[in-house]
Amino acid sequence: MNQTASTPNGALSLNPNDGQVIKHFPFDGQAAVENTLQHTFDGFTQWRSSDMAQRVGLLRAIAAQLRQQARPLAQLMTQEMGKVIAQSLAEVEKCAKLCEWYAENGPAFLARESTTVENNKAYVDYLPIGPILAVMPWNFPIWQVLRGAVPIILAGNSYLLKPAPNVMGSSYMLHDILTKAGTPAGVFSIINADNDTVAKVIKDRRIAAVTVTGSVRAGGAIAGLAGAAIKKCVLELGGSDAFIVLADADIDAAVKAAIGGRFVNNGQICIAAKRIMVDNAVFDEFSEKFIAAVKAMKVGDPQLDDTYIGPMARYDLRDELDAQVQATIKEGAKCLLGGHKIAGEGNFYAPTILSEVTPGMTSFKQELFGPVASLIRIDNAEHAIKLANDSEFGLSGSLWSKDIEAAKKLASRIDTGGVFINSSSFTDPRVPIGGVKNSGFGRELSHFGIREFTNAQTVWIETVAS
């Protein structure tokens, strides 16, 4: 069923496994948008005065509710965007742990900070700034939301979510979970609106800042609106991460990590291992083992426990991916596996391996958001760094070598927000995530993320003679 995730009148939740409509969500009317905006602002004015113990207690309650509702929430996520059920369940648990980590560590990040001014007569407070509008994607329907919302709420702000249109059901279920956990009215709200309405919301005086995870095009448009309104924004956009395997790498470990790094979530991850660069000395060995591992992956119904690759989230994204693959093949790359849509119901694309990919080819230059790996030959470490940096993106990357000290020096020369040595890229609340170049700016997670949407207020005290 060739339908998109939105209609002129609302959002459309579709099952990518069979193309059937799950539910239509009409756009909020003008009055409803106004009510939500005021509700979110009122929520902030109350919540900013809450004490830290109340905020920490809320996060722990949210974690408990997430675990209590893990199975139905995971099933709905899988139904709406095609993530295999084991990974949906893992996403829920990851969100619960996120809440607990910030409950334990977040207060220290927001604590009053002394300065180097003599006699302790100056300090910095991290204060809430207001309602934050969050324009979020569909690939991680609750992790992308909560990794921003949890620190934003802990800092005393309120959070207004504009979800992707194909995961509205998951978003509303998450809202219900937070409400059951005791989230005060207006502290976490949802708006279902078209682009024109979102533009007006960004300009509204009650919105303090904007956070976006999505495409370069969407991020640039929203950043332009936020900039014109003199509002801060954080952007986490696309990526074309390099996964570099040097000659001295543990090949078996690198292959295993590359499989997960490229094909988890059906390959629909910003920090996925999209450009796999392998030294000539080990290229054939890596390729042989990589192909065998990809062939062993089961493609099918994402609700089944033994499925590894489910359908892509939308049919139009599958068409776009296939066009990129065919263009790369025409440009001279070899297709070692897959390279085609899978016939029948659902948005399935065959797990694909392209080899002999070189700079200038489509899959080298562009982000391929789906189950497609591009294998690229490198001569040595210097060649790898050159190719890794030959990209408009700079989100994350992986570097495989047994020489850790040498790898650390190489990592500092890679123009990305993160480098993972002997590991595929992943997100963890203990370290920040964010990019450079067209991958965006600002950071989420860790103490960097919680302070993005605070006012670092300086207080200077001069003693007045009595």
Protein backbone atom coordinates (compact mmCIF):
# COMPACT_ATOMS: atom_id res chain seq x y z
CA MET A 1 0.00 0.00 0.00
CA ASN A 2 1.82 3.10 -1.25
CA GLN A 3 1.00 5.69 1.39
CA THR A 4 3.15 8.25 3.11
CA ALA A 5 3.21 8.91 6.85
CA SER A 6 1.21 12.11 6.56
CA THR A 7 -1.88 13.41 4.81
CA PRO A 8 -3.06 16.99 4.22
CA ASN A 9 -5.15 16.65 7.36
CA GLY A 10 -3.00 14.65 9.72
CA ALA A 11 -0.45 11.98 10.54
CA LEU A 12 -0.83 8.41 9.38
CA SER A 13 0.44 5.43 11.33
CA LEU A 14 1.14 2.52 8.97
CA ASN A 15 2.40 -0.98 9.59
CA PRO A 16 5.54 -1.27 7.40
CA ASN A 17 5.36 -5.06 7.64
CA ASP A 18 2.15 -5.23 5.58
CA GLY A 19 1.31 -1.64 4.58
CA GLN A 20 -1.96 -1.57 6.51
CA VAL A 21 -3.22 1.58 8.20
CA ILE A 22 -2.98 1.44 12.00
CA LYS A 23 -4.55 4.79 12.79
CA HIS A 24 -5.02 8.29 11.43
CA PHE A 25 -4.20 11.18 13.77
CA PRO A 26 -5.84 14.47 12.65
CA PHE A 27 -3.67 17.55 13.02
CA ASP A 28 -4.38 19.71 16.05
CA GLY A 29 -6.52 22.72 15.24
CA GLN A 30 -5.47 26.30 15.94
CA ALA A 31 -7.29 26.37 19.27
CA ALA A 32 -5.74 23.06 20.35
CA VAL A 33 -2.25 24.29 19.44
CA GLU A 34 -2.78 27.46 21.45
CA ASN A 35 -4.06 25.47 24.42
CA THR A 36 -1.05 23.14 24.30
CA LEU A 37 1.38 26.02 24.10
CA GLN A 38 -0.16 27.76 27.09
CA HIS A 39 -0.41 24.44 28.94
CA THR A 40 3.31 23.83 28.36
CA PHE A 41 4.22 27.35 29.46
CA ASP A 42 2.09 27.07 32.58
CA GLY A 43 3.68 23.71 33.29
CA PHE A 44 7.10 25.32 33.15
CA THR A 45 6.18 28.17 35.48
CA GLN A 46 5.16 25.62 38.12
CA TRP A 47 7.87 23.02 37.50
CA ARG A 48 10.78 25.48 37.61
CA SER A 49 10.04 25.97 41.30
CA SER A 50 10.06 22.25 42.10
CA ASP A 51 12.89 20.97 44.27
CA MET A 52 15.50 18.53 43.03
CA ALA A 53 14.18 15.70 45.18
CA GLN A 54 10.80 15.93 43.42
CA ARG A 55 12.44 15.87 39.99
CA VAL A 56 14.64 12.91 40.85
CA GLY A 57 11.65 11.04 42.24
CA LEU A 58 9.79 11.63 39.00
CA LEU A 59 12.61 10.14 36.91
CA ARG A 60 12.68 7.02 39.06
CA ALA A 61 8.91 6.70 38.73
CA ILE A 62 9.15 7.04 34.94
CA ALA A 63 11.75 4.26 34.85
CA ALA A 64 9.41 1.98 36.81
CA GLN A 65 6.46 2.74 34.54
CA LEU A 66 8.54 2.11 31.41
CA ARG A 67 9.46 -1.34 32.68
CA GLN A 68 5.87 -2.06 33.66
CA GLN A 69 4.64 -1.16 30.17
CA ALA A 70 7.68 -2.49 28.27
CA ARG A 71 5.99 -5.22 26.25
CA PRO A 72 2.98 -3.27 24.88
CA LEU A 73 5.13 -0.21 24.20
CA ALA A 74 7.73 -2.28 22.37
CA GLN A 75 5.07 -4.06 20.32
CA LEU A 76 3.57 -0.74 19.25
CA MET A 77 6.97 0.67 18.23
CA THR A 78 7.63 -2.44 16.16
CA GLN A 79 4.18 -2.23 14.60
CA GLU A 80 4.60 1.43 13.65
CA MET A 81 8.18 1.56 12.31
CA GLY A 82 9.39 -2.02 11.80
CA LYS A 83 12.07 -2.31 14.47
CA VAL A 84 12.46 -5.96 15.46
CA ILE A 85 10.82 -6.74 18.78
CA ALA A 86 14.01 -7.64 20.65
CA GLN A 87 15.46 -4.25 19.79
CA SER A 88 12.24 -2.46 20.76
CA LEU A 89 12.34 -4.12 24.17
CA ALA A 90 16.01 -3.16 24.51
CA GLU A 91 15.11 0.45 23.67
CA VAL A 92 12.56 0.59 26.48
CA GLU A 93 15.06 -0.79 28.98
CA LYS A 94 17.71 1.65 27.79
CA CYS A 95 15.29 4.50 28.45
CA ALA A 96 14.57 3.22 31.94
CA LYS A 97 18.28 3.09 32.70
CA LEU A 98 18.67 6.62 31.27
CA CYS A 99 16.11 7.90 33.78
CA GLU A 100 17.90 6.16 36.63
CA TRP A 101 21.33 7.43 35.57
CA TYR A 102 20.18 11.04 35.44
CA ALA A 103 18.33 10.63 38.73
CA GLU A 104 21.62 9.53 40.28
CA ASN A 105 24.03 11.88 38.52
CA GLY A 106 22.03 14.79 37.14
CA PRO A 107 21.70 16.84 40.34
CA ALA A 108 25.47 17.24 40.58
CA PHE A 109 25.59 18.63 37.03
CA LEU A 110 23.08 21.30 37.99
CA ALA A 111 24.56 22.17 41.36
CA ARG A 112 25.84 25.65 42.11
CA GLU A 113 29.39 25.96 40.82
CA SER A 114 32.05 27.99 42.55
CA THR A 115 34.46 30.12 40.54
CA THR A 116 38.09 31.13 40.84
CA VAL A 117 37.09 34.57 42.09
CA GLU A 118 38.80 35.32 45.39
CA ASN A 119 36.90 35.02 48.68
CA ASN A 120 34.16 32.93 47.05
CA LYS A 121 32.24 36.04 46.09
CA ALA A 122 31.02 34.69 42.74
CA TYR A 123 29.27 31.53 41.64
CA VAL A 124 27.34 30.10 38.67
CA ASP A 125 23.84 28.65 38.86
CA TYR A 126 22.36 26.46 36.10
CA LEU A 127 18.77 27.65 35.82
CA PRO A 128 15.88 26.48 33.61
CA ILE A 129 15.05 28.63 30.59
CA GLY A 130 11.50 27.63 29.64
CA PRO A 131 9.54 25.29 27.36
CA ILE A 132 11.70 23.42 24.82
CA LEU A 133 10.20 22.38 21.49
CA ALA A 134 11.53 18.99 20.34
CA VAL A 135 11.12 17.92 16.70
CA MET A 136 11.90 14.22 16.81
CA PRO A 137 12.38 11.37 14.29
CA TRP A 138 10.83 7.93 13.97
CA ASN A 139 13.82 5.55 14.09
CA PHE A 140 14.00 5.44 17.90
CA PRO A 141 10.47 6.51 18.88
CA ILE A 142 11.10 6.78 22.62
CA TRP A 143 14.91 6.83 23.04
CA GLN A 144 15.34 9.92 20.85
CA VAL A 145 12.58 11.62 22.83
CA LEU A 146 13.66 10.70 26.33
CA ARG A 147 17.39 11.22 25.90
CA GLY A 148 16.52 14.89 25.41
CA ALA A 149 13.41 15.13 27.58
CA VAL A 150 14.86 13.56 30.73
CA PRO A 151 17.70 16.08 31.24
CA ILE A 152 15.50 18.94 30.03
CA ILE A 153 12.84 18.11 32.63
CA LEU A 154 15.39 17.45 35.37
CA ALA A 155 16.80 20.93 34.74
CA GLY A 156 13.36 22.43 35.47
CA ASN A 157 12.19 23.08 31.92
CA SER A 158 9.05 21.76 30.22
CA TYR A 159 9.15 19.70 27.02
CA LEU A 160 6.89 20.02 23.96
CA LEU A 161 7.19 17.07 21.58
CA LYS A 162 6.46 17.24 17.87
CA PRO A 163 6.76 13.54 16.87
CA ALA A 164 7.40 12.05 13.45
CA PRO A 165 4.01 11.38 11.81
CA ASN A 166 4.46 7.61 11.48
CA VAL A 167 5.06 7.01 15.21
CA MET A 168 2.29 9.10 16.74
CA GLY A 169 0.84 6.10 18.55
CA SER A 170 4.12 5.35 20.31
CA SER A 171 4.46 9.02 21.25
CA TYR A 172 1.00 9.20 22.82
CA MET A 173 1.62 5.96 24.69
CA LEU A 174 4.85 7.42 26.05
CA HIS A 175 2.90 10.48 27.17
CA ASP A 176 0.47 8.22 29.02
CA ILE A 177 3.36 6.42 30.73
CA LEU A 178 4.88 9.69 31.92
CA THR A 179 1.47 10.86 33.16
CA LYS A 180 0.98 7.64 35.14
CA ALA A 181 4.44 8.17 36.63
CA GLY A 182 3.26 11.48 38.05
CA THR A 183 4.62 13.98 35.53
CA PRO A 184 2.85 17.27 36.33
CA ALA A 185 0.46 18.69 33.74
CA GLY A 186 2.24 20.68 31.06
CA VAL A 187 5.72 19.39 31.80
CA PHE A 188 5.61 16.88 28.91
CA SER A 189 3.18 17.70 26.10
CA ILE A 190 2.63 16.67 22.47
CA ILE A 191 1.68 18.68 19.43
CA ASN A 192 0.55 17.06 16.17
CA ALA A 193 0.97 19.71 13.49
CA ASP A 194 2.06 20.42 9.94
CA ASN A 195 5.25 22.31 9.03
CA ASP A 196 3.58 25.72 8.83
CA THR A 197 2.16 25.36 12.31
CA VAL A 198 5.49 24.16 13.68
CA ALA A 199 7.12 27.27 12.21
CA LYS A 200 4.64 29.45 14.09
CA VAL A 201 5.27 27.53 17.31
CA ILE A 202 9.03 28.11 16.99
CA LYS A 203 8.41 31.84 16.73
CA ASP A 204 6.00 31.92 19.67
CA ARG A 205 7.35 33.87 22.66
CA ARG A 206 6.48 31.03 25.03
CA ILE A 207 8.98 28.65 23.40
CA ALA A 208 12.49 29.19 24.76
CA ALA A 209 14.56 26.91 22.50
CA VAL A 210 14.38 24.07 19.97
CA THR A 211 16.02 20.66 19.71
CA VAL A 212 15.93 18.66 16.48
CA THR A 213 16.98 15.18 15.44
CA GLY A 214 16.47 14.51 11.75
CA SER A 215 17.69 15.23 8.25
CA VAL A 216 20.07 17.98 7.20
CA ARG A 217 17.28 19.65 5.24
CA ALA A 218 14.85 19.67 8.16
CA GLY A 219 17.51 20.72 10.63
CA GLY A 220 18.66 23.60 8.47
CA ALA A 221 15.11 24.87 8.00
CA ILE A 222 14.31 24.73 11.71
CA ALA A 223 17.65 26.24 12.70
CA GLY A 224 16.92 29.14 10.35
CA LEU A 225 13.58 29.77 12.02
CA ALA A 226 15.08 29.51 15.50
CA GLY A 227 17.94 31.82 14.59
CA ALA A 228 15.57 34.44 13.21
CA ALA A 229 13.66 34.30 16.50
CA ILE A 230 16.94 34.54 18.51
CA LYS A 231 16.42 31.13 20.07
CA LYS A 232 18.99 28.49 20.80
CA CYS A 233 18.76 25.15 19.04
CA VAL A 234 20.55 21.81 19.23
CA LEU A 235 20.78 19.79 16.02
CA GLU A 236 21.60 16.09 15.68
CA LEU A 237 21.38 15.44 11.96
CA GLY A 238 22.61 12.90 9.43
CA GLY A 239 25.78 10.87 9.41
CA SER A 240 27.91 8.76 7.10
CA ASP A 241 30.16 7.23 9.69
CA ALA A 242 33.46 5.61 8.80
CA PHE A 243 34.18 2.19 10.29
CA ILE A 244 37.95 1.87 9.89
CA VAL A 245 39.62 -1.55 10.10
CA LEU A 246 43.42 -1.33 10.13
CA ALA A 247 45.76 -4.18 9.24
CA ASP A 248 46.45 -5.13 12.88
CA ALA A 249 42.78 -5.27 13.91
CA ASP A 250 41.04 -8.28 15.44
CA ILE A 251 39.10 -9.19 12.29
CA ASP A 252 36.53 -11.48 13.91
CA ALA A 253 35.65 -8.84 16.50
CA ALA A 254 35.52 -6.13 13.83
CA VAL A 255 33.20 -8.18 11.63
CA LYS A 256 30.83 -8.86 14.53
CA ALA A 257 30.74 -5.19 15.47
CA ALA A 258 30.27 -4.11 11.85
CA ILE A 259 27.21 -6.36 11.52
CA GLY A 260 25.56 -4.73 14.52
CA GLY A 261 26.87 -1.29 13.67
CA ARG A 262 25.42 -1.39 10.17
CA PHE A 263 22.28 -3.55 10.41
CA VAL A 264 20.76 -2.97 13.87
CA ASN A 265 17.43 -1.12 13.60
CA ASN A 266 17.26 -2.26 9.97
CA GLY A 267 20.22 0.02 9.25
CA GLN A 268 18.21 3.13 10.08
CA ILE A 269 20.57 4.82 12.56
CA CYS A 270 22.38 8.15 12.23
CA ILE A 271 25.53 6.72 13.84
CA ALA A 272 25.47 3.47 11.86
CA ALA A 273 28.69 2.12 10.31
CA LYS A 274 27.86 3.26 6.79
CA ARG A 275 31.31 3.48 5.15
CA ILE A 276 33.33 0.40 6.12
CA MET A 277 36.98 1.09 5.30
CA VAL A 278 39.29 -1.94 5.43
CA ASP A 279 43.05 -2.15 4.92
CA ASN A 280 44.07 -3.98 1.74
CA ALA A 281 46.08 -6.48 3.78
CA VAL A 282 42.93 -7.82 5.49
CA PHE A 283 40.23 -6.71 3.04
CA ASP A 284 39.56 -10.15 1.54
CA GLU A 285 39.42 -11.87 4.93
CA PHE A 286 37.09 -9.23 6.34
CA SER A 287 34.84 -9.29 3.25
CA GLU A 288 34.48 -13.07 3.27
CA LYS A 289 33.51 -13.21 6.93
CA PHE A 290 31.27 -10.14 6.65
CA ILE A 291 29.34 -11.59 3.70
CA ALA A 292 28.82 -14.88 5.53
CA ALA A 293 27.48 -13.10 8.59
CA VAL A 294 25.07 -10.96 6.56
CA LYS A 295 23.78 -14.03 4.71
CA ALA A 296 22.98 -15.63 8.07
CA MET A 297 20.68 -12.79 9.16
CA LYS A 298 16.97 -13.62 9.08
CA VAL A 299 14.75 -11.12 7.28
CA GLY A 300 11.04 -11.16 8.09
CA ASP A 301 8.26 -10.33 10.52
CA PRO A 302 9.72 -7.94 13.12
CA GLN A 303 7.39 -9.26 15.82
CA LEU A 304 9.17 -12.64 15.77
CA ASP A 305 12.01 -13.11 18.24
CA ASP A 306 14.44 -14.66 15.75
CA THR A 307 14.11 -11.93 13.09
CA TYR A 308 17.16 -9.67 12.70
CA ILE A 309 16.09 -7.48 9.76
CA GLY A 310 12.54 -6.16 9.55
CA PRO A 311 10.93 -3.81 7.05
CA MET A 312 12.11 -0.26 6.46
CA ALA A 313 9.92 2.33 8.13
CA ARG A 314 8.36 3.81 4.97
CA TYR A 315 8.05 2.75 1.36
CA ASP A 316 9.36 6.10 0.07
CA LEU A 317 12.53 5.65 2.12
CA ARG A 318 12.97 2.20 0.61
CA ASP A 319 12.61 3.66 -2.89
CA GLU A 320 15.18 6.34 -2.09
CA LEU A 321 17.62 3.76 -0.73
CA ASP A 322 17.23 1.55 -3.78
CA ALA A 323 17.89 4.51 -6.08
CA GLN A 324 21.11 5.23 -4.18
CA VAL A 325 22.21 1.60 -4.43
CA GLN A 326 21.52 1.40 -8.17
CA ALA A 327 23.34 4.68 -8.77
CA THR A 328 26.39 3.40 -6.88
CA ILE A 329 26.45 0.21 -8.94
CA LYS A 330 26.25 2.20 -12.18
CA GLU A 331 29.17 4.28 -10.94
CA GLY A 332 31.34 1.15 -10.78
CA ALA A 333 30.79 -0.49 -7.41
CA LYS A 334 30.25 -4.24 -7.16
CA CYS A 335 27.15 -5.62 -5.51
CA LEU A 336 28.26 -8.66 -3.51
CA LEU A 337 24.89 -9.32 -1.90
CA GLY A 338 21.32 -8.04 -2.11
CA GLY A 339 20.84 -4.78 -3.96
CA HIS A 340 17.09 -4.99 -4.45
CA LYS A 341 13.67 -4.58 -2.89
CA ILE A 342 12.06 -7.77 -1.61
CA ALA A 343 8.81 -8.47 -3.42
CA GLY A 344 5.55 -8.86 -1.53
CA GLU A 345 3.86 -7.06 1.32
CA GLY A 346 5.86 -4.70 3.42
CA ASN A 347 8.78 -2.35 2.93
CA PHE A 348 11.52 -4.97 2.92
CA TYR A 349 14.92 -4.38 1.37
CA ALA A 350 17.45 -7.15 0.99
CA PRO A 351 20.53 -6.77 3.20
CA THR A 352 23.07 -5.39 0.77
CA ILE A 353 26.86 -5.26 0.50
CA LEU A 354 28.50 -2.95 -2.01
CA SER A 355 32.22 -3.37 -2.58
CA GLU A 356 34.95 -1.40 -4.35
CA VAL A 357 33.20 1.83 -3.36
CA THR A 358 35.39 4.87 -3.99
CA PRO A 359 35.16 8.63 -3.29
CA GLY A 360 32.66 10.35 -5.54
CA MET A 361 30.25 7.42 -5.66
CA THR A 362 26.74 7.95 -4.33
CA SER A 363 27.07 5.61 -1.34
CA PHE A 364 30.33 7.32 -0.37
CA LYS A 365 29.00 10.88 -0.59
CA GLN A 366 25.45 10.43 0.68
CA GLU A 367 23.91 8.94 3.79
CA LEU A 368 22.32 5.55 3.07
CA PHE A 369 19.62 5.05 5.69
CA GLY A 370 18.86 1.36 5.52
CA PRO A 371 20.41 -2.14 5.44
CA VAL A 372 23.24 -1.36 3.00
CA ALA A 373 26.98 -1.59 3.77
CA SER A 374 29.64 0.02 1.58
CA LEU A 375 33.07 -1.65 1.64
CA ILE A 376 35.99 0.64 0.83
CA ARG A 377 39.65 -0.35 0.40
CA ILE A 378 42.30 1.66 2.21
CA ASP A 379 46.09 1.57 1.83
CA ASN A 380 46.99 2.51 5.39
CA ALA A 381 45.93 4.63 8.37
CA GLU A 382 46.73 7.92 6.63
CA HIS A 383 44.54 6.94 3.70
CA ALA A 384 41.74 6.01 6.11
CA ILE A 385 41.82 9.39 7.86
CA LYS A 386 41.73 11.20 4.52
CA LEU A 387 38.69 9.23 3.34
CA ALA A 388 36.91 9.41 6.69
CA ASN A 389 37.13 13.21 6.63
CA ASP A 390 36.09 13.41 2.98
CA SER A 391 32.44 13.83 3.93
CA GLU A 392 29.92 16.58 4.58
CA PHE A 393 29.03 14.72 7.78
CA GLY A 394 30.84 14.42 11.09
CA LEU A 395 28.72 12.55 13.59
CA SER A 396 30.65 9.50 14.82
CA GLY A 397 32.96 6.72 13.69
CA SER A 398 34.85 3.54 14.63
CA LEU A 399 38.54 2.70 14.51
CA TRP A 400 39.88 -0.83 14.86
CA SER A 401 43.48 -1.53 15.86
CA LYS A 402 45.38 -3.43 18.54
CA ASP A 403 47.70 -0.45 19.01
CA ILE A 404 45.52 1.66 21.32
CA GLU A 405 47.95 4.53 21.71
CA ALA A 406 48.32 4.91 17.96
CA ALA A 407 44.54 4.65 17.57
CA LYS A 408 44.00 7.46 20.10
CA LYS A 409 46.28 9.74 18.10
CA LEU A 410 44.41 8.88 14.90
CA ALA A 411 41.03 9.46 16.59
CA SER A 412 41.93 13.09 17.33
CA ARG A 413 42.39 13.66 13.59
CA ILE A 414 38.95 12.36 12.62
CA ASP A 415 36.46 15.23 12.22
CA THR A 416 33.52 13.77 14.12
CA GLY A 417 31.72 14.28 17.40
CA GLY A 418 32.72 10.80 18.55
CA VAL A 419 35.22 8.04 17.78
CA PHE A 420 34.85 4.51 19.17
CA ILE A 421 38.06 2.49 19.28
CA ASN A 422 37.50 -1.26 18.86
CA SER A 423 33.74 -0.78 19.15
CA SER A 424 30.87 0.25 16.94
CA SER A 425 29.30 3.62 17.74
CA PHE A 426 26.53 3.74 20.32
CA THR A 427 24.87 6.18 22.72
CA ASP A 428 25.37 6.13 26.48
CA PRO A 429 24.21 8.76 29.00
CA ARG A 430 27.71 8.96 30.47
CA VAL A 431 29.17 10.52 27.30
CA PRO A 432 27.86 13.24 24.98
CA ILE A 433 26.55 12.70 21.46
CA GLY A 434 26.55 15.31 18.74
CA GLY A 435 28.27 16.21 15.51
CA VAL A 436 30.23 18.70 13.49
CA LYS A 437 29.85 19.92 9.90
CA ASN A 438 26.44 18.97 8.44
CA SER A 439 25.79 16.54 11.27
CA GLY A 440 24.75 19.49 13.43
CA PHE A 441 25.85 21.22 16.61
CA GLY A 442 25.24 21.07 20.33
CA ARG A 443 25.33 17.97 22.49
CA GLU A 444 22.91 15.58 24.14
CA LEU A 445 23.51 13.31 27.15
CA SER A 446 26.07 13.54 29.99
CA HIS A 447 26.60 16.88 31.75
CA PHE A 448 27.01 18.58 28.36
CA GLY A 449 23.47 17.68 27.38
CA ILE A 450 21.76 18.70 30.61
CA ARG A 451 23.40 22.14 30.51
CA GLU A 452 22.48 22.87 26.87
CA PHE A 453 19.09 24.23 27.89
CA THR A 454 20.03 26.05 31.07
CA ASN A 455 20.95 29.63 31.85
CA ALA A 456 24.47 29.62 33.26
CA GLN A 457 23.81 32.58 35.50
CA THR A 458 26.72 34.38 37.12
CA VAL A 459 26.11 35.83 40.58
CA TRP A 460 28.75 38.24 41.91
CA ILE A 461 28.58 39.45 45.50
CA GLU A 462 30.32 42.54 46.77
CA THR A 463 30.36 43.08 50.50
CA VAL A 464 28.70 46.33 51.48
CA ALA A 465 30.38 48.13 54.36
CA SER A 466 28.03 48.58 57.30
